[in-house]
């Protein structure tokens, strides 16, 4: 899936047709970098042939973007009560979501 396709899908999923592409692109870049670092960190570095999120983790990337975007202004919030409205995040951050849903790649020592 291309970046433009991901932006379109995010806007539809989040019902934010007028959201600035720069903000969502920044989240896509951040989550891409974190997924690749988490996935290949045990091997020492991301292989040169890997330039984007593997296809099996594209949905993780999109969900992580939605989690991060939804927490703007309430970063790290675990509970909030105000005027009868209660808020609590299922994941403390998009990083936690990535770390729980991306399997690290390990190599075999030869």
PDB file of N, CA and C in Angstrom:
ATOM      1  N   UNK A   1       0.852  -1.172   0.000  1.00  0.00           N
ATOM      2  CA  UNK A   1       0.000   0.000   0.000  1.00  0.00           C
ATOM      3  C   UNK A   1       0.902   1.242   0.000  1.00  0.00           C
ATOM      4  N   UNK A   2       0.603   2.176  -0.861  1.00  0.00           N
ATOM      5  CA  UNK A   2       1.403   3.401  -0.930  1.00  0.00           C
ATOM      6  C   UNK A   2       1.033   4.344   0.208  1.00  0.00           C
ATOM      7  N   UNK A   3       1.859   5.353   0.415  1.00  0.00           N
ATOM      8  CA  UNK A   3       1.567   6.353   1.446  1.00  0.00           C
ATOM      9  C   UNK A   3       0.256   7.063   1.162  1.00  0.00           C
ATOM     10  N   UNK A   4       0.012   7.397  -0.092  1.00  0.00           N
ATOM     11  CA  UNK A   4      -1.248   8.062  -0.444  1.00  0.00           C
ATOM     12  C   UNK A   4      -2.447   7.172  -0.139  1.00  0.00           C
ATOM     13  N   UNK A   5      -2.336   5.888  -0.427  1.00  0.00           N
ATOM     14  CA  UNK A   5      -3.419   4.952  -0.109  1.00  0.00           C
ATOM     15  C   UNK A   5      -3.645   4.857   1.389  1.00  0.00           C
ATOM     16  N   UNK A   6      -2.549   4.872   2.152  1.00  0.00           N
ATOM     17  CA  UNK A   6      -2.665   4.834   3.614  1.00  0.00           C
ATOM     18  C   UNK A   6      -3.341   6.096   4.134  1.00  0.00           C
ATOM     19  N   UNK A   7      -2.983   7.253   3.575  1.00  0.00           N
ATOM     20  CA  UNK A   7      -3.614   8.516   3.989  1.00  0.00           C
ATOM     21  C   UNK A   7      -5.113   8.502   3.715  1.00  0.00           C
ATOM     22  N   UNK A   8      -5.489   8.026   2.549  1.00  0.00           N
ATOM     23  CA  UNK A   8      -6.907   7.946   2.195  1.00  0.00           C
ATOM     24  C   UNK A   8      -7.636   7.012   3.155  1.00  0.00           C
ATOM     25  N   UNK A   9      -7.053   5.861   3.411  1.00  0.00           N
ATOM     26  CA  UNK A   9      -7.685   4.891   4.318  1.00  0.00           C
ATOM     27  C   UNK A   9      -7.797   5.451   5.729  1.00  0.00           C
ATOM     28  N   UNK A  10      -6.754   6.100   6.213  1.00  0.00           N
ATOM     29  CA  UNK A  10      -6.801   6.695   7.555  1.00  0.00           C
ATOM     30  C   UNK A  10      -7.913   7.736   7.668  1.00  0.00           C
ATOM     31  N   UNK A  11      -8.007   8.590   6.675  1.00  0.00           N
ATOM     32  CA  UNK A  11      -9.036   9.633   6.705  1.00  0.00           C
ATOM     33  C   UNK A  11     -10.435   9.030   6.717  1.00  0.00           C
ATOM     34  N   UNK A  12     -10.621   7.946   5.982  1.00  0.00           N
ATOM     35  CA  UNK A  12     -11.927   7.273   5.971  1.00  0.00           C
ATOM     36  C   UNK A  12     -12.204   6.598   7.311  1.00  0.00           C
ATOM     37  N   UNK A  13     -11.215   5.909   7.841  1.00  0.00           N
ATOM     38  CA  UNK A  13     -11.383   5.188   9.096  1.00  0.00           C
ATOM     39  C   UNK A  13     -11.631   6.137  10.265  1.00  0.00           C
ATOM     40  N   UNK A  14     -10.963   7.269  10.230  1.00  0.00           N
ATOM     41  CA  UNK A  14     -11.062   8.222  11.335  1.00  0.00           C
ATOM     42  C   UNK A  14     -12.148   9.271  11.092  1.00  0.00           C
ATOM     43  N   UNK A  15     -12.750   9.220   9.909  1.00  0.00           N
ATOM     44  CA  UNK A  15     -13.786  10.191   9.533  1.00  0.00           C
ATOM     45  C   UNK A  15     -13.270  11.621   9.650  1.00  0.00           C
ATOM     46  N   UNK A  16     -12.087  11.814   9.087  1.00  0.00           N
ATOM     47  CA  UNK A  16     -11.426  13.114   9.119  1.00  0.00           C
ATOM     48  C   UNK A  16     -11.044  13.535   7.703  1.00  0.00           C
ATOM     49  N   UNK A  17     -11.988  13.797   6.833  1.00  0.00           N
ATOM     50  CA  UNK A  17     -11.647  14.098   5.438  1.00  0.00           C
ATOM     51  C   UNK A  17     -10.825  15.374   5.258  1.00  0.00           C
ATOM     52  N   UNK A  18     -10.916  16.307   6.201  1.00  0.00           N
ATOM     53  CA  UNK A  18     -10.204  17.578   6.047  1.00  0.00           C
ATOM     54  C   UNK A  18      -8.918  17.652   6.862  1.00  0.00           C
ATOM     55  N   UNK A  19      -8.483  16.525   7.423  1.00  0.00           N
ATOM     56  CA  UNK A  19      -7.264  16.514   8.225  1.00  0.00           C
ATOM     57  C   UNK A  19      -6.051  16.801   7.350  1.00  0.00           C
ATOM     58  N   UNK A  20      -5.141  17.574   7.886  1.00  0.00           N
ATOM     59  CA  UNK A  20      -3.914  17.940   7.190  1.00  0.00           C
ATOM     60  C   UNK A  20      -3.074  16.690   6.902  1.00  0.00           C
ATOM     61  N   UNK A  21      -2.731  16.473   5.643  1.00  0.00           N
ATOM     62  CA  UNK A  21      -1.918  15.317   5.255  1.00  0.00           C
ATOM     63  C   UNK A  21      -0.562  15.322   5.943  1.00  0.00           C
ATOM     64  N   UNK A  22      -0.004  16.499   6.212  1.00  0.00           N
ATOM     65  CA  UNK A  22       1.309  16.576   6.843  1.00  0.00           C
ATOM     66  C   UNK A  22       1.308  15.924   8.222  1.00  0.00           C
ATOM     67  N   UNK A  23       0.246  16.122   8.983  1.00  0.00           N
ATOM     68  CA  UNK A  23       0.163  15.536  10.324  1.00  0.00           C
ATOM     69  C   UNK A  23       0.088  14.017  10.237  1.00  0.00           C
ATOM     70  N   UNK A  24      -0.805  13.508   9.405  1.00  0.00           N
ATOM     71  CA  UNK A  24      -0.924  12.059   9.262  1.00  0.00           C
ATOM     72  C   UNK A  24       0.335  11.452   8.642  1.00  0.00           C
ATOM     73  N   UNK A  25       0.969  12.159   7.709  1.00  0.00           N
ATOM     74  CA  UNK A  25       2.219  11.675   7.109  1.00  0.00           C
ATOM     75  C   UNK A  25       3.324  11.579   8.157  1.00  0.00           C
ATOM     76  N   UNK A  26       3.369  12.548   9.054  1.00  0.00           N
ATOM     77  CA  UNK A  26       4.366  12.505  10.134  1.00  0.00           C
ATOM     78  C   UNK A  26       4.148  11.287  11.016  1.00  0.00           C
ATOM     79  N   UNK A  27       2.872  10.990  11.337  1.00  0.00           N
ATOM     80  CA  UNK A  27       2.569   9.793  12.124  1.00  0.00           C
ATOM     81  C   UNK A  27       2.919   8.526  11.350  1.00  0.00           C
ATOM     82  N   UNK A  28       2.639   8.498  10.049  1.00  0.00           N
ATOM     83  CA  UNK A  28       2.996   7.335   9.237  1.00  0.00           C
ATOM     84  C   UNK A  28       4.505   7.121   9.221  1.00  0.00           C
ATOM     85  N   UNK A  29       5.270   8.188   9.066  1.00  0.00           N
ATOM     86  CA  UNK A  29       6.733   8.082   9.074  1.00  0.00           C
ATOM     87  C   UNK A  29       7.247   7.590  10.423  1.00  0.00           C
ATOM     88  N   UNK A  30       6.711   8.169  11.497  1.00  0.00           N
ATOM     89  CA  UNK A  30       7.131   7.788  12.848  1.00  0.00           C
ATOM     90  C   UNK A  30       6.838   6.316  13.122  1.00  0.00           C
ATOM     91  N   UNK A  31       5.609   5.885  12.801  1.00  0.00           N
ATOM     92  CA  UNK A  31       5.253   4.494  13.075  1.00  0.00           C
ATOM     93  C   UNK A  31       6.019   3.532  12.166  1.00  0.00           C
ATOM     94  N   UNK A  32       6.277   3.933  10.910  1.00  0.00           N
ATOM     95  CA  UNK A  32       7.093   3.099  10.013  1.00  0.00           C
ATOM     96  C   UNK A  32       8.470   2.878  10.627  1.00  0.00           C
ATOM     97  N   UNK A  33       9.104   3.967  11.066  1.00  0.00           N
ATOM     98  CA  UNK A  33      10.442   3.867  11.651  1.00  0.00           C
ATOM     99  C   UNK A  33      10.445   2.999  12.901  1.00  0.00           C
ATOM    100  N   UNK A  34       9.412   3.139  13.730  1.00  0.00           N
ATOM    101  CA  UNK A  34       9.346   2.357  14.965  1.00  0.00           C
ATOM    102  C   UNK A  34       9.084   0.880  14.676  1.00  0.00           C
ATOM    103  N   UNK A  35       8.201   0.595  13.739  1.00  0.00           N
ATOM    104  CA  UNK A  35       7.928  -0.807  13.377  1.00  0.00           C
ATOM    105  C   UNK A  35       9.197  -1.470  12.844  1.00  0.00           C
ATOM    106  N   UNK A  36       9.906  -0.790  11.959  1.00  0.00           N
ATOM    107  CA  UNK A  36      11.133  -1.374  11.401  1.00  0.00           C
ATOM    108  C   UNK A  36      12.211  -1.528  12.468  1.00  0.00           C
ATOM    109  N   UNK A  37      12.347  -0.544  13.335  1.00  0.00           N
ATOM    110  CA  UNK A  37      13.346  -0.635  14.411  1.00  0.00           C
ATOM    111  C   UNK A  37      13.007  -1.774  15.367  1.00  0.00           C
ATOM    112  N   UNK A  38      11.736  -1.929  15.702  1.00  0.00           N
ATOM    113  CA  UNK A  38      11.307  -2.995  16.615  1.00  0.00           C
ATOM    114  C   UNK A  38      11.446  -4.359  15.933  1.00  0.00           C
ATOM    115  N   UNK A  39      11.070  -4.421  14.681  1.00  0.00           N
ATOM    116  CA  UNK A  39      11.096  -5.685  13.935  1.00  0.00           C
ATOM    117  C   UNK A  39      12.518  -6.199  13.744  1.00  0.00           C
ATOM    118  N   UNK A  40      13.435  -5.294  13.398  1.00  0.00           N
ATOM    119  CA  UNK A  40      14.791  -5.713  13.051  1.00  0.00           C
ATOM    120  C   UNK A  40      15.854  -5.314  14.071  1.00  0.00           C
ATOM    121  N   UNK A  41      15.446  -4.766  15.201  1.00  0.00           N
ATOM    122  CA  UNK A  41      16.400  -4.288  16.209  1.00  0.00           C
ATOM    123  C   UNK A  41      17.323  -5.366  16.737  1.00  0.00           C
ATOM    124  N   UNK A  42      16.813  -6.590  16.881  1.00  0.00           N
ATOM    125  CA  UNK A  42      17.629  -7.677  17.415  1.00  0.00           C
ATOM    126  C   UNK A  42      18.751  -8.082  16.473  1.00  0.00           C
ATOM    127  N   UNK A  43      18.582  -7.779  15.177  1.00  0.00           N
ATOM    128  CA  UNK A  43      19.611  -8.152  14.204  1.00  0.00           C
ATOM    129  C   UNK A  43      20.686  -7.078  14.068  1.00  0.00           C
ATOM    130  N   UNK A  44      20.472  -5.927  14.680  1.00  0.00           N
ATOM    131  CA  UNK A  44      21.463  -4.864  14.637  1.00  0.00           C
ATOM    132  C   UNK A  44      21.111  -3.718  13.720  1.00  0.00           C
ATOM    133  N   UNK A  45      20.397  -4.003  12.618  1.00  0.00           N
ATOM    134  CA  UNK A  45      19.990  -2.927  11.715  1.00  0.00           C
ATOM    135  C   UNK A  45      18.925  -3.432  10.742  1.00  0.00           C
ATOM    136  N   UNK A  46      18.206  -2.476  10.197  1.00  0.00           N
ATOM    137  CA  UNK A  46      17.185  -2.794   9.199  1.00  0.00           C
ATOM    138  C   UNK A  46      17.902  -3.133   7.890  1.00  0.00           C
ATOM    139  N   UNK A  47      17.541  -4.249   7.258  1.00  0.00           N
ATOM    140  CA  UNK A  47      18.175  -4.592   5.974  1.00  0.00           C
ATOM    141  C   UNK A  47      17.972  -3.477   4.945  1.00  0.00           C
ATOM    142  N   UNK A  48      18.955  -3.250   4.116  1.00  0.00           N
ATOM    143  CA  UNK A  48      18.884  -2.187   3.103  1.00  0.00           C
ATOM    144  C   UNK A  48      17.723  -2.383   2.126  1.00  0.00           C
ATOM    145  N   UNK A  49      17.314  -3.622   1.928  1.00  0.00           N
ATOM    146  CA  UNK A  49      16.223  -3.908   1.001  1.00  0.00           C
ATOM    147  C   UNK A  49      14.849  -3.568   1.583  1.00  0.00           C
ATOM    148  N   UNK A  50      14.773  -3.347   2.885  1.00  0.00           N
ATOM    149  CA  UNK A  50      13.502  -3.034   3.545  1.00  0.00           C
ATOM    150  C   UNK A  50      13.389  -1.522   3.685  1.00  0.00           C
ATOM    151  N   UNK A  51      12.452  -0.936   2.963  1.00  0.00           N
ATOM    152  CA  UNK A  51      12.290   0.520   3.000  1.00  0.00           C
ATOM    153  C   UNK A  51      10.932   0.955   3.536  1.00  0.00           C
ATOM    154  N   UNK A  52      10.027  -0.017   3.697  1.00  0.00           N
ATOM    155  CA  UNK A  52       8.700   0.321   4.209  1.00  0.00           C
ATOM    156  C   UNK A  52       8.218  -0.805   5.100  1.00  0.00           C
ATOM    157  N   UNK A  53       7.099  -0.576   5.750  1.00  0.00           N
ATOM    158  CA  UNK A  53       6.506  -1.559   6.648  1.00  0.00           C
ATOM    159  C   UNK A  53       6.143  -2.811   5.846  1.00  0.00           C
ATOM    160  N   UNK A  54       6.528  -3.998   6.340  1.00  0.00           N
ATOM    161  CA  UNK A  54       6.114  -5.214   5.648  1.00  0.00           C
ATOM    162  C   UNK A  54       4.578  -5.267   5.557  1.00  0.00           C
ATOM    163  N   UNK A  55       4.082  -5.828   4.483  1.00  0.00           N
ATOM    164  CA  UNK A  55       2.639  -5.839   4.218  1.00  0.00           C
ATOM    165  C   UNK A  55       1.833  -6.386   5.388  1.00  0.00           C
ATOM    166  N   UNK A  56       2.332  -7.410   6.060  1.00  0.00           N
ATOM    167  CA  UNK A  56       1.573  -8.003   7.169  1.00  0.00           C
ATOM    168  C   UNK A  56       1.423  -7.065   8.372  1.00  0.00           C
ATOM    169  N   UNK A  57       2.195  -5.963   8.387  1.00  0.00           N
ATOM    170  CA  UNK A  57       2.110  -5.003   9.494  1.00  0.00           C
ATOM    171  C   UNK A  57       1.521  -3.653   9.086  1.00  0.00           C
ATOM    172  N   UNK A  58       0.981  -3.558   7.890  1.00  0.00           N
ATOM    173  CA  UNK A  58       0.369  -2.294   7.471  1.00  0.00           C
ATOM    174  C   UNK A  58      -0.839  -1.944   8.342  1.00  0.00           C
ATOM    175  N   UNK A  59      -1.635  -2.939   8.716  1.00  0.00           N
ATOM    176  CA  UNK A  59      -2.790  -2.653   9.580  1.00  0.00           C
ATOM    177  C   UNK A  59      -2.334  -2.229  10.971  1.00  0.00           C
ATOM    178  N   UNK A  60      -1.235  -2.788  11.444  1.00  0.00           N
ATOM    179  CA  UNK A  60      -0.682  -2.363  12.737  1.00  0.00           C
ATOM    180  C   UNK A  60      -0.252  -0.905  12.638  1.00  0.00           C
ATOM    181  N   UNK A  61       0.387  -0.543  11.527  1.00  0.00           N
ATOM    182  CA  UNK A  61       0.810   0.843  11.335  1.00  0.00           C
ATOM    183  C   UNK A  61      -0.392   1.788  11.351  1.00  0.00           C
ATOM    184  N   UNK A  62      -1.441   1.456  10.612  1.00  0.00           N
ATOM    185  CA  UNK A  62      -2.621   2.317  10.550  1.00  0.00           C
ATOM    186  C   UNK A  62      -3.287   2.443  11.918  1.00  0.00           C
ATOM    187  N   UNK A  63      -3.405   1.335  12.648  1.00  0.00           N
ATOM    188  CA  UNK A  63      -3.989   1.400  13.985  1.00  0.00           C
ATOM    189  C   UNK A  63      -3.121   2.214  14.936  1.00  0.00           C
ATOM    190  N   UNK A  64      -1.805   2.056  14.821  1.00  0.00           N
ATOM    191  CA  UNK A  64      -0.895   2.828  15.674  1.00  0.00           C
ATOM    192  C   UNK A  64      -1.021   4.323  15.393  1.00  0.00           C
ATOM    193  N   UNK A  65      -1.183   4.693  14.121  1.00  0.00           N
ATOM    194  CA  UNK A  65      -1.390   6.104  13.759  1.00  0.00           C
ATOM    195  C   UNK A  65      -2.676   6.615  14.393  1.00  0.00           C
ATOM    196  N   UNK A  66      -3.746   5.817  14.315  1.00  0.00           N
ATOM    197  CA  UNK A  66      -5.017   6.250  14.904  1.00  0.00           C
ATOM    198  C   UNK A  66      -4.901   6.423  16.412  1.00  0.00           C
ATOM    199  N   UNK A  67      -4.174   5.516  17.067  1.00  0.00           N
ATOM    200  CA  UNK A  67      -3.975   5.624  18.518  1.00  0.00           C
ATOM    201  C   UNK A  67      -3.194   6.888  18.845  1.00  0.00           C
ATOM    202  N   UNK A  68      -2.093   7.108  18.142  1.00  0.00           N
ATOM    203  CA  UNK A  68      -1.284   8.303  18.394  1.00  0.00           C
ATOM    204  C   UNK A  68      -2.032   9.583  18.101  1.00  0.00           C
ATOM    205  N   UNK A  69      -2.754   9.616  16.989  1.00  0.00           N
ATOM    206  CA  UNK A  69      -3.506  10.808  16.591  1.00  0.00           C
ATOM    207  C   UNK A  69      -4.609  11.118  17.597  1.00  0.00           C
ATOM    208  N   UNK A  70      -5.290  10.083  18.078  1.00  0.00           N
ATOM    209  CA  UNK A  70      -6.399  10.296  19.008  1.00  0.00           C
ATOM    210  C   UNK A  70      -5.934  10.793  20.370  1.00  0.00           C
ATOM    211  N   UNK A  71      -4.651  10.626  20.660  1.00  0.00           N
ATOM    212  CA  UNK A  71      -4.139  11.040  21.963  1.00  0.00           C
ATOM    213  C   UNK A  71      -3.486  12.418  21.941  1.00  0.00           C
ATOM    214  N   UNK A  72      -3.540  13.092  20.805  1.00  0.00           N
ATOM    215  CA  UNK A  72      -2.979  14.438  20.752  1.00  0.00           C
ATOM    216  C   UNK A  72      -3.695  15.303  21.785  1.00  0.00           C
ATOM    217  N   UNK A  73      -2.924  15.923  22.630  1.00  0.00           N
ATOM    218  CA  UNK A  73      -3.498  16.756  23.680  1.00  0.00           C
ATOM    219  C   UNK A  73      -3.759  15.993  24.966  1.00  0.00           C
ATOM    220  N   UNK A  74      -3.679  14.686  24.923  1.00  0.00           N
ATOM    221  CA  UNK A  74      -3.907  13.888  26.124  1.00  0.00           C
ATOM    222  C   UNK A  74      -2.867  12.794  26.240  1.00  0.00           C
ATOM    223  N   UNK A  75      -1.640  13.073  25.799  1.00  0.00           N
ATOM    224  CA  UNK A  75      -0.585  12.074  25.781  1.00  0.00           C
ATOM    225  C   UNK A  75      -0.388  11.442  27.150  1.00  0.00           C
ATOM    226  N   UNK A  76      -0.360  10.115  27.164  1.00  0.00           N
ATOM    227  CA  UNK A  76      -0.092   9.389  28.390  1.00  0.00           C
ATOM    228  C   UNK A  76      -1.270   9.323  29.353  1.00  0.00           C
ATOM    229  N   UNK A  77      -2.399   9.850  28.966  1.00  0.00           N
ATOM    230  CA  UNK A  77      -3.557   9.884  29.849  1.00  0.00           C
ATOM    231  C   UNK A  77      -4.069   8.473  30.091  1.00  0.00           C
ATOM    232  N   UNK A  78      -4.210   8.088  31.361  1.00  0.00           N
ATOM    233  CA  UNK A  78      -4.734   6.761  31.673  1.00  0.00           C
ATOM    234  C   UNK A  78      -6.153   6.832  32.199  1.00  0.00           C
ATOM    235  N   UNK A  79      -6.559   7.970  32.714  1.00  0.00           N
ATOM    236  CA  UNK A  79      -7.942   8.151  33.151  1.00  0.00           C
ATOM    237  C   UNK A  79      -8.235   9.642  33.197  1.00  0.00           C
ATOM    238  N   UNK A  80      -9.476   9.988  32.900  1.00  0.00           N
ATOM    239  CA  UNK A  80      -9.863  11.398  32.919  1.00  0.00           C
ATOM    240  C   UNK A  80     -11.372  11.471  33.109  1.00  0.00           C
ATOM    241  N   UNK A  81     -11.809  12.233  34.064  1.00  0.00           N
ATOM    242  CA  UNK A  81     -13.229  12.452  34.296  1.00  0.00           C
ATOM    243  C   UNK A  81     -13.503  13.945  34.325  1.00  0.00           C
ATOM    244  N   UNK A  82     -14.462  14.352  33.526  1.00  0.00           N
ATOM    245  CA  UNK A  82     -14.821  15.763  33.486  1.00  0.00           C
ATOM    246  C   UNK A  82     -16.253  15.903  32.996  1.00  0.00           C
ATOM    247  N   UNK A  83     -17.083  16.549  33.791  1.00  0.00           N
ATOM    248  CA  UNK A  83     -18.478  16.782  33.413  1.00  0.00           C
ATOM    249  C   UNK A  83     -19.199  15.508  32.952  1.00  0.00           C
ATOM    250  N   UNK A  84     -18.966  14.413  33.660  1.00  0.00           N
ATOM    251  CA  UNK A  84     -19.638  13.164  33.332  1.00  0.00           C
ATOM    252  C   UNK A  84     -19.017  12.381  32.190  1.00  0.00           C
ATOM    253  N   UNK A  85     -17.945  12.891  31.619  1.00  0.00           N
ATOM    254  CA  UNK A  85     -17.256  12.187  30.531  1.00  0.00           C
ATOM    255  C   UNK A  85     -16.009  11.526  31.102  1.00  0.00           C
ATOM    256  N   UNK A  86     -15.872  10.249  30.829  1.00  0.00           N
ATOM    257  CA  UNK A  86     -14.718   9.502  31.323  1.00  0.00           C
ATOM    258  C   UNK A  86     -13.904   9.014  30.137  1.00  0.00           C
ATOM    259  N   UNK A  87     -12.588   9.209  30.204  1.00  0.00           N
ATOM    260  CA  UNK A  87     -11.679   8.791  29.134  1.00  0.00           C
ATOM    261  C   UNK A  87     -10.571   7.936  29.722  1.00  0.00           C
ATOM    262  N   UNK A  88     -10.268   6.846  29.044  1.00  0.00           N
ATOM    263  CA  UNK A  88      -9.145   6.009  29.441  1.00  0.00           C
ATOM    264  C   UNK A  88      -8.633   5.337  28.178  1.00  0.00           C
ATOM    265  N   UNK A  89      -7.337   5.342  27.956  1.00  0.00           N
ATOM    266  CA  UNK A  89      -6.780   4.787  26.730  1.00  0.00           C
ATOM    267  C   UNK A  89      -6.470   3.305  26.907  1.00  0.00           C
ATOM    268  N   UNK A  90      -6.800   2.505  25.866  1.00  0.00           N
ATOM    269  CA  UNK A  90      -6.522   1.075  25.886  1.00  0.00           C
ATOM    270  C   UNK A  90      -5.026   0.792  25.798  1.00  0.00           C
ATOM    271  N   UNK A  91      -4.327   1.617  25.062  1.00  0.00           N
ATOM    272  CA  UNK A  91      -2.867   1.538  24.964  1.00  0.00           C
ATOM    273  C   UNK A  91      -2.333   2.888  25.388  1.00  0.00           C
ATOM    274  N   UNK A  92      -1.264   2.877  26.152  1.00  0.00           N
ATOM    275  CA  UNK A  92      -0.744   4.150  26.635  1.00  0.00           C
ATOM    276  C   UNK A  92      -0.135   4.965  25.507  1.00  0.00           C
ATOM    277  N   UNK A  93       0.240   4.306  24.424  1.00  0.00           N
ATOM    278  CA  UNK A  93       0.809   5.039  23.292  1.00  0.00           C
ATOM    279  C   UNK A  93       0.814   4.150  22.064  1.00  0.00           C
ATOM    280  N   UNK A  94       1.056   4.773  20.923  1.00  0.00           N
ATOM    281  CA  UNK A  94       1.161   3.979  19.694  1.00  0.00           C
ATOM    282  C   UNK A  94       2.408   3.085  19.756  1.00  0.00           C
ATOM    283  N   UNK A  95       3.411   3.476  20.520  1.00  0.00           N
ATOM    284  CA  UNK A  95       4.606   2.634  20.662  1.00  0.00           C
ATOM    285  C   UNK A  95       4.268   1.323  21.355  1.00  0.00           C
ATOM    286  N   UNK A  96       3.483   1.402  22.430  1.00  0.00           N
ATOM    287  CA  UNK A  96       3.081   0.188  23.138  1.00  0.00           C
ATOM    288  C   UNK A  96       2.291  -0.732  22.211  1.00  0.00           C
ATOM    289  N   UNK A  97       1.405  -0.149  21.414  1.00  0.00           N
ATOM    290  CA  UNK A  97       0.622  -0.944  20.473  1.00  0.00           C
ATOM    291  C   UNK A  97       1.537  -1.660  19.476  1.00  0.00           C
ATOM    292  N   UNK A  98       2.509  -0.941  18.938  1.00  0.00           N
ATOM    293  CA  UNK A  98       3.460  -1.542  17.989  1.00  0.00           C
ATOM    294  C   UNK A  98       4.230  -2.675  18.653  1.00  0.00           C
ATOM    295  N   UNK A  99       4.742  -2.431  19.852  1.00  0.00           N
ATOM    296  CA  UNK A  99       5.558  -3.438  20.531  1.00  0.00           C
ATOM    297  C   UNK A  99       4.769  -4.691  20.882  1.00  0.00           C
ATOM    298  N   UNK A 100       3.459  -4.547  21.073  1.00  0.00           N
ATOM    299  CA  UNK A 100       2.631  -5.715  21.382  1.00  0.00           C
ATOM    300  C   UNK A 100       2.140  -6.444  20.135  1.00  0.00           C
ATOM    301  N   UNK A 101       2.243  -5.821  18.968  1.00  0.00           N
ATOM    302  CA  UNK A 101       1.664  -6.408  17.766  1.00  0.00           C
ATOM    303  C   UNK A 101       2.643  -6.673  16.631  1.00  0.00           C
ATOM    304  N   UNK A 102       3.913  -6.358  16.822  1.00  0.00           N
ATOM    305  CA  UNK A 102       4.923  -6.633  15.791  1.00  0.00           C
ATOM    306  C   UNK A 102       5.915  -7.654  16.368  1.00  0.00           C
ATOM    307  N   UNK A 103       6.080  -8.733  15.634  1.00  0.00           N
ATOM    308  CA  UNK A 103       6.990  -9.785  16.065  1.00  0.00           C
ATOM    309  C   UNK A 103       8.416  -9.432  15.662  1.00  0.00           C
ATOM    310  N   UNK A 104       9.326  -9.322  16.633  1.00  0.00           N
ATOM    311  CA  UNK A 104      10.721  -9.035  16.278  1.00  0.00           C
ATOM    312  C   UNK A 104      11.318 -10.160  15.434  1.00  0.00           C
ATOM    313  N   UNK A 105      12.117  -9.779  14.479  1.00  0.00           N
ATOM    314  CA  UNK A 105      12.800 -10.712  13.600  1.00  0.00           C
ATOM    315  C   UNK A 105      14.159 -11.014  14.218  1.00  0.00           C
ATOM    316  N   UNK A 106      14.467 -12.302  14.329  1.00  0.00           N
ATOM    317  CA  UNK A 106      15.771 -12.669  14.862  1.00  0.00           C
ATOM    318  C   UNK A 106      16.475 -13.580  13.871  1.00  0.00           C
ATOM    319  N   UNK A 107      17.768 -13.475  13.857  1.00  0.00           N
ATOM    320  CA  UNK A 107      18.539 -14.319  12.962  1.00  0.00           C
ATOM    321  C   UNK A 107      19.132 -15.499  13.725  1.00  0.00           C
ATOM    322  N   UNK A 108      19.720 -16.387  13.006  1.00  0.00           N
ATOM    323  CA  UNK A 108      20.353 -17.558  13.589  1.00  0.00           C
ATOM    324  C   UNK A 108      21.855 -17.299  13.645  1.00  0.00           C
ATOM    325  N   UNK A 109      22.424 -17.543  14.808  1.00  0.00           N
ATOM    326  CA  UNK A 109      23.867 -17.378  14.957  1.00  0.00           C
ATOM    327  C   UNK A 109      24.557 -18.551  14.281  1.00  0.00           C
ATOM    328  N   UNK A 110      25.480 -18.223  13.400  1.00  0.00           N
ATOM    329  CA  UNK A 110      26.169 -19.320  12.689  1.00  0.00           C
ATOM    330  C   UNK A 110      27.615 -19.372  13.060  1.00  0.00           C
TER     331      UNK A 110
END
